[in-house]
N, C-alpha and C. Protein backbone atom coordinates (compact mmCIF):
# COMPACT_ATOMS: atom_id res chain seq x y z
N MET A 1 11.56 1.28 14.76
CA MET A 1 10.23 2.15 14.58
C MET A 1 9.75 1.19 13.30
N VAL A 2 8.81 1.34 13.76
CA VAL A 2 7.39 0.40 12.70
C VAL A 2 6.61 0.93 11.61
N PHE A 3 5.78 0.55 11.18
CA PHE A 3 5.20 0.99 10.25
C PHE A 3 3.54 0.43 10.22
N VAL A 4 2.63 1.01 10.79
CA VAL A 4 1.17 1.05 11.35
C VAL A 4 0.15 1.46 9.88
N LEU A 5 -0.73 0.31 9.28
CA LEU A 5 -1.47 0.77 8.09
C LEU A 5 -2.96 0.82 9.01
N THR A 6 -3.77 1.53 8.86
CA THR A 6 -5.32 1.82 9.35
C THR A 6 -5.91 2.24 7.88
N VAL A 7 -6.61 1.63 7.61
CA VAL A 7 -7.00 1.10 6.43
C VAL A 7 -8.98 1.38 6.87
N ASP A 8 -9.43 2.13 5.74
CA ASP A 8 -11.02 2.57 6.40
C ASP A 8 -12.12 2.44 4.90
N GLN A 9 -12.90 1.29 4.73
CA GLN A 9 -13.55 1.03 3.65
C GLN A 9 -14.12 2.60 3.43
N ARG A 10 -14.16 2.88 1.88
CA ARG A 10 -14.51 4.14 1.26
C ARG A 10 -16.24 3.69 0.65
N GLY A 11 -17.17 4.87 1.03
CA GLY A 11 -18.48 4.70 0.93
C GLY A 11 -19.13 2.87 1.55
N SER A 12 -18.74 3.11 2.52
CA SER A 12 -19.12 2.05 3.14
C SER A 12 -20.29 1.59 3.88
N ARG A 13 -21.35 2.42 3.66
CA ARG A 13 -22.58 2.67 4.13
C ARG A 13 -23.65 2.17 2.75
N SER A 14 -23.28 2.71 0.89
CA SER A 14 -23.67 2.36 0.25
C SER A 14 -23.18 0.98 -0.54
N MET A 15 -21.89 0.29 0.15
CA MET A 15 -21.35 -1.03 -0.55
C MET A 15 -21.75 -2.03 0.53
N THR A 16 -21.14 -2.94 -0.36
CA THR A 16 -21.38 -4.32 0.90
C THR A 16 -19.62 -4.10 1.38
N ASP A 17 -19.95 -4.93 2.74
CA ASP A 17 -18.76 -5.05 3.59
C ASP A 17 -17.27 -6.31 2.59
N LEU A 18 -16.51 -5.20 2.16
CA LEU A 18 -15.16 -5.52 1.62
C LEU A 18 -14.29 -6.14 2.42
N VAL A 19 -14.09 -6.10 3.74
CA VAL A 19 -13.01 -6.66 5.06
C VAL A 19 -12.90 -7.80 5.07
N PRO A 20 -13.46 -8.33 5.05
CA PRO A 20 -13.43 -10.04 4.75
C PRO A 20 -12.61 -10.51 3.77
N GLU A 21 -13.01 -9.84 2.48
CA GLU A 21 -11.91 -10.42 1.13
C GLU A 21 -10.53 -9.65 1.49
N LEU A 22 -10.69 -8.28 2.05
CA LEU A 22 -9.71 -7.58 2.09
C LEU A 22 -8.46 -8.12 3.15
N LEU A 23 -9.14 -8.78 4.21
CA LEU A 23 -8.33 -9.48 5.70
C LEU A 23 -7.85 -10.66 5.01
N ASN A 24 -8.14 -11.60 4.59
CA ASN A 24 -8.06 -12.57 3.44
C ASN A 24 -6.41 -12.32 2.63
N SER A 25 -6.93 -11.26 2.01
CA SER A 25 -6.14 -11.27 0.49
C SER A 25 -4.41 -10.58 1.67
N LEU A 26 -4.55 -9.65 2.66
CA LEU A 26 -3.83 -9.17 3.56
C LEU A 26 -2.82 -10.44 4.22
N ASN A 27 -3.58 -10.95 4.46
CA ASN A 27 -2.93 -12.02 5.41
C ASN A 27 -2.84 -13.59 4.74
N ARG A 28 -2.56 -13.84 3.86
CA ARG A 28 -2.80 -14.99 3.11
C ARG A 28 -1.35 -15.37 3.38
N ARG A 29 -1.73 -17.29 3.46
CA ARG A 29 -0.24 -17.80 3.87
C ARG A 29 0.62 -17.99 2.24
N PRO A 30 1.48 -18.08 2.13
CA PRO A 30 2.55 -17.83 3.04
C PRO A 30 2.92 -16.83 3.65
N ARG A 31 3.00 -16.51 5.27
CA ARG A 31 2.80 -15.32 5.78
C ARG A 31 3.49 -13.83 5.24
N ARG A 32 2.48 -13.16 4.68
CA ARG A 32 3.08 -12.16 4.19
C ARG A 32 4.83 -11.05 4.78
N THR A 33 5.91 -11.27 4.18
CA THR A 33 7.31 -11.22 4.61
C THR A 33 6.98 -9.55 5.50
N GLY A 34 7.69 -9.69 6.49
CA GLY A 34 7.51 -8.22 7.31
C GLY A 34 6.35 -7.74 8.19
N LEU A 35 5.31 -8.41 8.03
CA LEU A 35 4.00 -8.61 9.21
C LEU A 35 4.05 -8.85 10.25
N LEU A 36 4.33 -8.00 11.46
CA LEU A 36 4.76 -8.30 12.78
C LEU A 36 3.12 -8.73 13.33
N ARG A 37 2.19 -7.78 13.15
CA ARG A 37 1.00 -8.20 13.81
C ARG A 37 0.23 -8.13 12.05
N LYS A 38 -0.97 -9.49 12.22
CA LYS A 38 -1.26 -9.72 10.90
C LYS A 38 -2.90 -8.19 10.80
N PHE A 39 -3.19 -8.02 9.77
CA PHE A 39 -4.55 -6.99 9.76
C PHE A 39 -5.50 -8.12 10.73
N GLU A 40 -5.70 -6.44 10.87
CA GLU A 40 -7.53 -7.03 11.45
C GLU A 40 -8.74 -6.33 11.70
N ARG A 41 -9.93 -6.71 11.83
CA ARG A 41 -10.92 -5.53 11.76
C ARG A 41 -10.93 -4.92 13.00
N THR A 42 -10.75 -3.69 13.17
CA THR A 42 -10.67 -2.88 14.33
C THR A 42 -11.98 -1.94 15.10
N ALA A 43 -12.72 -1.96 13.76
CA ALA A 43 -13.95 -1.22 14.22
C ALA A 43 -15.09 -0.92 12.76
N GLY A 44 -16.04 -1.48 12.93
CA GLY A 44 -16.68 -0.95 11.73
C GLY A 44 -16.11 -1.62 10.42
N ASP A 45 -15.36 -1.00 9.25
CA ASP A 45 -15.56 -1.27 7.94
C ASP A 45 -13.78 -1.08 7.60
N GLU A 46 -13.16 -0.93 9.25
CA GLU A 46 -11.65 -0.42 8.76
C GLU A 46 -11.05 -1.03 9.52
N VAL A 47 -9.57 -1.78 8.95
CA VAL A 47 -8.83 -2.68 9.73
C VAL A 47 -7.47 -2.27 9.62
N GLN A 48 -6.25 -3.03 10.24
CA GLN A 48 -5.51 -2.18 10.86
C GLN A 48 -4.34 -3.56 10.68
N GLY A 49 -2.70 -3.01 10.71
CA GLY A 49 -2.17 -3.74 10.40
C GLY A 49 -0.70 -3.12 11.06
N VAL A 50 0.57 -3.83 11.44
CA VAL A 50 1.73 -3.66 11.88
C VAL A 50 2.65 -4.17 10.74
N LEU A 51 3.96 -3.57 10.48
CA LEU A 51 4.51 -4.08 9.34
C LEU A 51 6.27 -3.56 9.86
N SER A 52 6.63 -4.44 10.03
CA SER A 52 8.38 -3.61 10.28
C SER A 52 9.49 -3.81 9.18
N GLU A 53 8.88 -3.75 7.50
CA GLU A 53 9.65 -3.52 6.46
C GLU A 53 9.03 -2.84 5.67
N ALA A 54 9.90 -1.79 5.16
CA ALA A 54 9.44 -0.67 4.49
C ALA A 54 8.69 -1.22 3.17
N ARG A 55 9.36 -1.77 2.19
CA ARG A 55 9.12 -2.69 1.10
C ARG A 55 8.04 -2.90 0.80
N ALA A 56 7.16 -3.99 2.15
CA ALA A 56 6.31 -4.84 2.16
C ALA A 56 5.08 -3.55 2.79
N THR A 57 5.41 -2.94 3.37
CA THR A 57 4.15 -1.76 3.65
C THR A 57 4.22 -0.70 2.19
N ILE A 58 4.93 -0.58 1.43
CA ILE A 58 4.78 0.08 -0.09
C ILE A 58 4.01 -0.86 -0.43
N ASP A 59 4.05 -2.37 -0.64
CA ASP A 59 3.55 -3.08 -1.17
C ASP A 59 1.78 -3.45 -1.32
N VAL A 60 1.90 -3.44 -0.01
CA VAL A 60 0.46 -2.94 0.72
C VAL A 60 -0.26 -2.05 0.26
N ILE A 61 0.42 -0.72 0.44
CA ILE A 61 -0.51 0.47 -0.09
C ILE A 61 -0.57 0.30 -1.50
N VAL A 62 -0.14 0.12 -1.81
CA VAL A 62 -0.06 0.02 -3.64
C VAL A 62 -1.21 -1.07 -3.84
N GLN A 63 -1.47 -2.46 -3.10
CA GLN A 63 -2.46 -3.24 -3.52
C GLN A 63 -3.55 -2.43 -3.07
N LEU A 64 -3.79 -1.79 -2.40
CA LEU A 64 -4.69 -1.10 -1.62
C LEU A 64 -5.05 0.05 -2.70
N LEU A 65 -4.12 0.76 -2.90
CA LEU A 65 -4.58 2.17 -4.30
C LEU A 65 -5.13 1.43 -5.32
N ARG A 66 -4.27 0.06 -5.90
CA ARG A 66 -5.31 -0.33 -7.14
C ARG A 66 -6.25 -0.73 -6.61
N SER A 67 -7.11 -1.02 -6.11
CA SER A 67 -9.01 -1.26 -5.85
C SER A 67 -9.78 -0.29 -6.17
N ASP A 68 -8.77 0.90 -4.91
CA ASP A 68 -9.32 2.38 -5.20
C ASP A 68 -10.68 2.07 -4.48
N THR A 69 -10.91 1.47 -3.41
CA THR A 69 -11.76 1.65 -2.27
C THR A 69 -11.44 1.52 -1.16
N TRP A 70 -10.06 2.15 -0.56
CA TRP A 70 -10.14 2.73 0.74
C TRP A 70 -9.14 3.52 1.30
N TYR A 71 -9.75 4.50 2.08
CA TYR A 71 -8.69 5.19 2.74
C TYR A 71 -7.85 4.96 3.32
N VAL A 72 -6.53 5.12 3.12
CA VAL A 72 -5.21 4.53 4.23
C VAL A 72 -4.06 5.32 4.49
N GLY A 73 -4.03 5.30 5.73
CA GLY A 73 -3.46 5.85 6.45
C GLY A 73 -1.89 4.81 7.02
N LEU A 74 -1.02 5.95 6.81
CA LEU A 74 0.63 5.23 7.51
C LEU A 74 1.24 5.71 8.51
N GLY A 75 1.02 5.56 9.73
CA GLY A 75 1.47 6.06 10.81
C GLY A 75 3.22 5.21 10.79
N ILE A 76 4.14 6.35 10.70
CA ILE A 76 5.72 5.73 11.03
C ILE A 76 6.22 6.64 12.56
N GLY A 77 6.40 5.39 13.57
CA GLY A 77 6.97 5.66 14.68
C GLY A 77 7.23 4.33 15.96
N GLU A 78 7.17 4.54 17.15
CA GLU A 78 7.63 3.89 18.14
C GLU A 78 6.08 2.92 18.13
N VAL A 79 6.33 1.57 18.74
CA VAL A 79 4.85 1.45 19.87
C VAL A 79 5.56 0.78 20.61
N ALA A 80 4.11 0.63 21.72
CA ALA A 80 4.54 0.19 23.29
C ALA A 80 4.91 -1.65 23.16
N GLN A 81 6.49 -1.75 23.85
CA GLN A 81 6.42 -2.89 23.71
C GLN A 81 6.67 -3.54 24.66
N PRO A 82 6.25 -5.20 24.70
CA PRO A 82 6.23 -5.97 23.91
C PRO A 82 4.79 -5.76 23.11
N LEU A 83 4.83 -6.26 21.82
CA LEU A 83 3.53 -6.31 20.85
C LEU A 83 2.50 -7.22 21.62
N PRO A 84 1.35 -6.39 21.67
CA PRO A 84 0.54 -7.70 22.15
C PRO A 84 0.06 -8.60 20.59
N ARG A 85 -0.88 -9.88 21.05
CA ARG A 85 -0.74 -10.47 19.97
C ARG A 85 -1.58 -10.30 19.17
N SER A 86 -2.62 -9.05 19.67
CA SER A 86 -3.88 -8.77 18.75
C SER A 86 -3.38 -7.59 18.02
N THR A 87 -3.37 -7.32 17.15
CA THR A 87 -3.19 -5.61 16.17
C THR A 87 -4.24 -4.60 17.05
N ARG A 88 -5.47 -5.11 17.32
CA ARG A 88 -6.41 -4.63 17.96
C ARG A 88 -5.81 -3.80 19.47
N ALA A 89 -5.07 -4.87 20.01
CA ALA A 89 -4.73 -4.22 21.71
C ALA A 89 -3.79 -3.23 20.92
N GLY A 90 -3.11 -3.11 20.22
CA GLY A 90 -1.15 -2.48 20.03
C GLY A 90 -1.83 -0.82 20.81
N SER A 91 -0.75 -0.22 20.96
CA SER A 91 -0.73 0.80 21.24
C SER A 91 1.19 1.39 21.13
N GLY A 92 0.49 2.84 21.18
CA GLY A 92 1.85 3.87 20.90
C GLY A 92 2.01 4.71 20.09
N GLU A 93 2.98 5.48 19.54
CA GLU A 93 2.81 6.73 18.86
C GLU A 93 2.25 6.51 16.99
N ALA A 94 2.54 5.24 16.78
CA ALA A 94 2.47 4.87 15.38
C ALA A 94 1.36 4.53 15.29
N PHE A 95 0.51 3.69 15.95
CA PHE A 95 -0.94 3.94 16.04
C PHE A 95 -1.57 4.93 15.94
N VAL A 96 -1.04 5.92 16.90
CA VAL A 96 -1.72 7.08 16.80
C VAL A 96 -1.50 8.29 15.90
N TYR A 97 -0.44 7.69 15.01
CA TYR A 97 -0.11 8.83 14.21
C TYR A 97 -1.15 7.96 12.58
N ALA A 98 -1.07 6.44 12.25
CA ALA A 98 -1.87 5.71 11.61
C ALA A 98 -3.26 6.32 11.70
N ARG A 99 -3.82 6.64 12.83
CA ARG A 99 -5.23 7.02 13.14
C ARG A 99 -5.35 8.34 12.48
N GLU A 100 -4.80 8.84 12.88
CA GLU A 100 -4.23 10.74 12.47
C GLU A 100 -4.51 10.11 10.64
N ALA A 101 -3.49 9.64 10.10
CA ALA A 101 -3.51 9.95 8.79
C ALA A 101 -4.41 9.02 8.19
N VAL A 102 -5.34 8.57 8.44
CA VAL A 102 -6.36 7.84 7.81
C VAL A 102 -7.46 8.51 7.76
N ASN A 103 -7.50 9.52 9.10
CA ASN A 103 -8.65 10.32 8.80
C ASN A 103 -8.53 11.80 8.09
N ARG A 104 -7.12 12.37 7.77
CA ARG A 104 -6.86 13.15 6.74
C ARG A 104 -6.98 12.04 5.49
N ALA A 105 -6.54 11.18 5.34
CA ALA A 105 -7.09 10.75 3.85
C ALA A 105 -8.21 10.47 3.53
N LYS A 106 -9.30 10.79 4.05
CA LYS A 106 -10.95 10.93 4.18
C LYS A 106 -11.06 12.54 2.91
N SER A 107 -9.94 13.04 3.77
CA SER A 107 -10.29 14.14 2.65
C SER A 107 -8.88 14.59 1.61
N SER A 108 -8.46 13.71 1.90
CA SER A 108 -7.11 13.78 0.62
C SER A 108 -7.49 13.42 -0.96
N PRO A 109 -7.38 14.18 -2.07
CA PRO A 109 -7.53 13.92 -3.50
C PRO A 109 -6.97 12.42 -3.62
N HIS A 110 -6.02 12.00 -2.87
CA HIS A 110 -5.38 10.93 -3.02
C HIS A 110 -5.72 9.50 -2.46
N HIS A 111 -6.64 10.01 -1.27
CA HIS A 111 -6.61 9.02 -0.34
C HIS A 111 -5.93 8.33 0.56
N VAL A 112 -4.58 8.87 0.57
CA VAL A 112 -3.88 8.09 1.22
C VAL A 112 -2.44 9.21 1.74
N ASN A 113 -2.37 8.89 3.31
CA ASN A 113 -1.34 9.96 3.86
C ASN A 113 -0.87 8.98 4.66
N VAL A 114 0.14 10.55 4.95
CA VAL A 114 0.99 9.43 6.18
C VAL A 114 1.64 10.39 7.35
N VAL A 115 1.63 10.24 8.51
CA VAL A 115 1.85 10.88 9.53
C VAL A 115 3.46 10.24 10.36
N GLY A 116 4.28 10.44 10.64
CA GLY A 116 5.08 10.19 11.32
C GLY A 116 6.09 11.16 12.61
N SER A 117 6.57 10.50 12.97
CA SER A 117 7.39 11.32 14.29
C SER A 117 8.74 12.44 13.61
N ASP A 118 8.93 12.15 12.29
CA ASP A 118 9.82 13.00 11.56
C ASP A 118 8.65 13.66 10.22
N PRO A 119 8.27 14.77 10.43
CA PRO A 119 7.30 14.90 9.51
C PRO A 119 7.75 15.62 8.12
N HIS A 120 9.05 15.34 8.02
CA HIS A 120 9.67 15.78 6.48
C HIS A 120 9.70 14.63 6.02
N VAL A 121 10.12 13.48 6.71
CA VAL A 121 10.26 12.26 6.01
C VAL A 121 8.61 11.72 5.68
N ALA A 122 7.62 11.48 6.46
CA ALA A 122 6.18 11.86 6.36
C ALA A 122 6.01 12.26 5.08
N GLU A 123 6.41 13.61 5.26
CA GLU A 123 5.63 14.37 3.82
C GLU A 123 6.19 13.95 2.38
N GLN A 124 7.83 13.51 2.73
CA GLN A 124 8.28 12.95 1.65
C GLN A 124 7.80 11.40 0.76
N VAL A 125 7.47 10.65 1.78
CA VAL A 125 6.68 9.18 1.42
C VAL A 125 5.46 9.78 1.04
N GLU A 126 4.95 10.49 1.17
CA GLU A 126 3.42 10.78 1.18
C GLU A 126 3.39 11.49 -0.70
N THR A 127 4.23 12.44 -0.49
CA THR A 127 4.36 12.69 -2.55
C THR A 127 4.59 11.55 -3.09
N VAL A 128 5.54 10.99 -2.56
CA VAL A 128 5.63 9.96 -3.77
C VAL A 128 4.24 8.97 -3.81
N LEU A 129 3.84 8.57 -2.64
CA LEU A 129 2.61 7.35 -3.01
C LEU A 129 1.21 8.70 -3.53
N TRP A 130 1.01 9.91 -3.50
CA TRP A 130 0.08 10.45 -4.46
C TRP A 130 0.43 10.30 -5.72
N LEU A 131 2.19 10.60 -6.33
CA LEU A 131 2.03 10.68 -7.69
C LEU A 131 1.76 9.08 -8.21
N MET A 132 2.40 8.16 -7.01
CA MET A 132 2.32 6.82 -7.61
C MET A 132 0.28 6.32 -7.71
N ALA A 133 -0.20 7.30 -6.92
CA ALA A 133 -1.69 6.86 -7.26
C ALA A 133 -2.12 7.33 -7.97
N SER A 134 -1.68 8.75 -8.53
CA SER A 134 -2.20 9.30 -9.84
C SER A 134 -1.64 8.42 -11.14
N VAL A 135 -0.69 7.87 -10.93
CA VAL A 135 -0.31 6.81 -12.14
C VAL A 135 -1.12 5.72 -12.16
N LEU A 136 -1.20 5.16 -11.12
CA LEU A 136 -1.89 3.75 -10.83
C LEU A 136 -3.80 3.76 -11.46
N ARG A 137 -4.20 5.33 -10.47
CA ARG A 137 -5.41 5.57 -10.98
C ARG A 137 -5.88 5.49 -12.79
N ARG A 138 -5.08 5.71 -13.48
CA ARG A 138 -4.90 6.26 -14.88
C ARG A 138 -4.84 4.91 -16.03
N ARG A 139 -4.53 3.47 -14.94
CA ARG A 139 -3.61 2.70 -15.72
C ARG A 139 -5.47 1.40 -16.27
N SER A 140 -5.14 1.19 -17.47
CA SER A 140 -6.34 0.53 -17.23
C SER A 140 -6.40 -1.08 -17.55
N ASP A 141 -7.13 -1.96 -17.23
CA ASP A 141 -7.33 -3.10 -16.77
C ASP A 141 -6.08 -3.76 -18.32
N ARG A 142 -5.97 -3.65 -19.46
CA ARG A 142 -4.63 -3.85 -20.36
C ARG A 142 -3.45 -3.85 -19.69
N GLY A 143 -3.06 -2.03 -19.36
CA GLY A 143 -2.01 -2.11 -18.75
C GLY A 143 -1.59 -3.08 -17.24
N TRP A 144 -2.68 -3.16 -16.32
CA TRP A 144 -2.53 -3.91 -15.35
C TRP A 144 -2.13 -5.48 -15.75
N ALA A 145 -2.61 -5.80 -16.78
CA ALA A 145 -1.97 -7.33 -16.91
C ALA A 145 -1.01 -7.51 -17.73
N VAL A 146 -0.23 -5.97 -18.15
CA VAL A 146 0.87 -6.32 -18.54
C VAL A 146 1.65 -5.82 -17.19
N ALA A 147 1.54 -5.34 -16.82
CA ALA A 147 2.19 -4.99 -15.14
C ALA A 147 2.73 -5.62 -14.17
N ASP A 148 1.16 -6.68 -13.85
CA ASP A 148 1.36 -7.97 -13.30
C ASP A 148 2.47 -8.99 -13.96
N LEU A 149 2.40 -8.98 -15.40
CA LEU A 149 3.13 -10.08 -15.52
C LEU A 149 4.79 -9.83 -15.28
N LEU A 150 4.81 -8.26 -16.06
CA LEU A 150 6.11 -7.65 -15.82
C LEU A 150 6.67 -7.93 -14.18
N ALA A 151 5.97 -7.63 -13.48
CA ALA A 151 6.52 -7.61 -12.10
C ALA A 151 6.57 -9.33 -11.04
N GLU A 152 5.69 -10.21 -12.25
CA GLU A 152 5.99 -11.65 -12.15
C GLU A 152 7.85 -11.93 -12.35
N GLY A 153 7.97 -11.20 -13.03
CA GLY A 153 9.21 -11.54 -13.94
C GLY A 153 9.58 -12.03 -15.41
N LEU A 154 8.17 -12.15 -15.93
CA LEU A 154 8.46 -12.85 -17.32
C LEU A 154 9.20 -11.49 -18.16
N THR A 155 9.60 -11.98 -19.26
CA THR A 155 10.07 -11.05 -20.61
C THR A 155 8.88 -10.50 -21.17
N ARG A 156 9.48 -9.84 -21.66
CA ARG A 156 8.38 -8.89 -22.89
C ARG A 156 7.88 -10.25 -23.84
N ARG A 157 8.72 -10.87 -24.35
CA ARG A 157 8.68 -12.03 -25.47
C ARG A 157 7.58 -12.90 -24.95
N GLU A 158 7.44 -13.06 -23.84
CA GLU A 158 6.95 -14.70 -22.93
C GLU A 158 5.89 -13.76 -22.58
N ILE A 159 5.36 -12.19 -22.53
CA ILE A 159 4.31 -11.82 -21.71
C ILE A 159 3.56 -11.81 -23.22
N GLY A 160 4.05 -11.34 -24.25
CA GLY A 160 3.46 -11.33 -25.55
C GLY A 160 2.94 -12.55 -26.33
N VAL A 161 3.52 -13.48 -26.13
CA VAL A 161 2.82 -15.56 -26.16
C VAL A 161 1.68 -15.44 -25.27
N LYS A 162 1.90 -15.15 -23.87
CA LYS A 162 0.81 -15.27 -23.21
C LYS A 162 -0.40 -14.36 -23.36
N LEU A 163 -0.08 -13.41 -23.75
CA LEU A 163 -1.41 -12.21 -24.23
C LEU A 163 -1.51 -12.12 -25.35
N GLY A 164 -0.92 -13.15 -26.34
CA GLY A 164 -1.21 -12.79 -27.88
C GLY A 164 -1.26 -11.40 -28.70
N ILE A 165 -0.11 -11.07 -28.03
CA ILE A 165 0.06 -10.01 -28.75
C ILE A 165 1.88 -9.75 -29.14
N SER A 166 1.95 -9.08 -29.75
CA SER A 166 3.28 -8.48 -30.23
C SER A 166 4.29 -8.18 -28.67
N GLN A 167 5.64 -8.11 -29.18
CA GLN A 167 6.46 -7.63 -27.84
C GLN A 167 6.69 -6.12 -28.19
N SER A 168 5.79 -5.50 -29.12
CA SER A 168 5.90 -4.00 -29.22
C SER A 168 4.73 -3.86 -28.47
N ALA A 169 4.04 -4.59 -28.86
CA ALA A 169 2.31 -3.94 -28.24
C ALA A 169 3.01 -4.01 -26.77
N VAL A 170 3.18 -5.26 -26.16
CA VAL A 170 3.89 -5.42 -24.49
C VAL A 170 4.62 -4.07 -23.89
N THR A 171 5.34 -3.52 -25.25
CA THR A 171 6.60 -2.43 -24.47
C THR A 171 5.15 -1.08 -24.59
N GLN A 172 4.47 -0.85 -25.70
CA GLN A 172 3.53 0.35 -25.44
C GLN A 172 2.61 0.16 -24.02
N ARG A 173 1.81 -1.23 -24.20
CA ARG A 173 1.03 -1.25 -22.96
C ARG A 173 2.02 -0.72 -21.45
N ALA A 174 3.02 -1.46 -21.23
CA ALA A 174 3.66 -1.32 -20.03
C ALA A 174 4.09 0.36 -20.26
N GLN A 175 4.35 0.80 -21.06
CA GLN A 175 4.92 2.56 -21.14
C GLN A 175 3.19 3.55 -20.74
N ALA A 176 2.91 3.08 -21.04
CA ALA A 176 0.95 3.84 -21.17
C ALA A 176 0.57 3.06 -19.60
N ALA A 177 0.73 2.15 -19.61
CA ALA A 177 0.71 2.10 -18.01
C ALA A 177 1.59 2.61 -16.74
N GLY A 178 2.88 3.36 -17.05
CA GLY A 178 3.34 3.99 -16.02
C GLY A 178 4.33 2.72 -15.21
N PHE A 179 4.46 1.52 -16.00
CA PHE A 179 5.00 0.05 -15.11
C PHE A 179 6.66 0.81 -14.61
N ALA A 180 7.34 1.44 -15.36
CA ALA A 180 8.79 1.94 -14.73
C ALA A 180 8.29 2.77 -13.50
N GLU A 181 7.68 3.70 -14.12
CA GLU A 181 7.40 4.90 -13.08
C GLU A 181 6.72 4.44 -11.67
N GLU A 182 6.36 3.32 -11.58
CA GLU A 182 5.58 2.57 -10.63
C GLU A 182 6.71 2.02 -9.99
N GLN A 183 7.46 1.57 -10.21
CA GLN A 183 8.85 0.68 -9.85
C GLN A 183 9.67 1.40 -9.43
N ARG A 184 10.07 2.88 -9.78
CA ARG A 184 10.67 3.85 -9.27
C ARG A 184 10.12 3.93 -8.05
N GLY A 185 9.05 4.44 -8.08
CA GLY A 185 8.55 5.29 -6.89
C GLY A 185 8.11 4.13 -5.69
N ARG A 186 8.09 3.06 -6.12
CA ARG A 186 8.23 1.94 -5.09
C ARG A 186 9.40 1.90 -4.27
N VAL A 187 10.42 1.32 -5.11
CA VAL A 187 11.75 1.83 -4.55
C VAL A 187 12.07 3.20 -3.48
N LEU A 188 11.71 3.91 -4.29
CA LEU A 188 12.39 5.64 -3.33
C LEU A 188 11.14 5.67 -2.38
N ALA A 189 10.13 5.31 -2.06
CA ALA A 189 9.14 5.45 -0.84
C ALA A 189 9.76 4.48 0.24
N ALA A 190 9.84 3.11 -0.38
CA ALA A 190 10.86 1.93 0.95
C ALA A 190 11.95 3.00 1.53
N GLU A 191 13.01 3.72 0.25
CA GLU A 191 14.59 3.74 0.81
C GLU A 191 14.33 5.47 1.97
N LEU A 192 13.04 5.99 1.27
CA LEU A 192 12.55 7.10 2.01
C LEU A 192 12.00 6.86 4.01
N LEU A 193 11.71 5.32 3.98
CA LEU A 193 11.01 5.08 4.53
C LEU A 193 12.32 4.47 5.53
N ASP A 194 13.04 3.73 4.68
CA ASP A 194 13.93 2.83 5.48
C ASP A 194 14.62 4.14 6.45
N ALA A 195 15.13 5.27 5.50
CA ALA A 195 15.79 6.41 5.76
C ALA A 195 15.22 7.18 7.52
N GLY A 196 13.98 6.90 7.23
CA GLY A 196 13.01 7.75 8.93
C GLY A 196 13.36 6.64 9.20
N ALA A 197 13.43 5.38 9.44
CA ALA A 197 13.14 4.41 10.45
C ALA A 197 14.44 4.32 11.37
N ALA A 198 15.77 4.82 9.96
CA ALA A 198 17.44 4.63 10.84
C ALA A 198 17.40 6.12 11.40
N ALA A 199 16.41 7.35 11.30
CA ALA A 199 17.20 8.39 11.44
C ALA A 199 16.92 8.47 13.38
């Protein structure tokens, strides 16, 4: 099983085309771990990519949720083998599911949906992603600054020095940002994806 992400820009008729910037970010070197086929523009303001690793898939989804400008559809399933060189030429159930998921995302409160060969697993992953989206949407710029540095592995003391604030202020911002909740959500979503892929 693989993970296909289909992503469509929200409000594309009234906004500039953000696809080139997104593709550069998602496909940047060194190559993203678990990326089987790089993200490509498929039609209009839509992009699609194929991933083999659950954690890498969740990382991409969190990146997309952070910007809050994309409809995100995740398809979990098989693909026709061998995979063609171009993502646009791919076929199989995971591609069909991803298309269905991104269409659902357009009427979803959190703009991310999951469809897979195991509906129960897909719903579980989707539930975790919705909860994470709710946390991320409330995170302030200050919260993101602390969360990004924590994700890089810096200690609270190092972050305090870097940002010019106390360690207790770093802790308060991390708590307000829901950093621990986000990290647990990432792990749980990836574990659910792995379990579904192994079933």
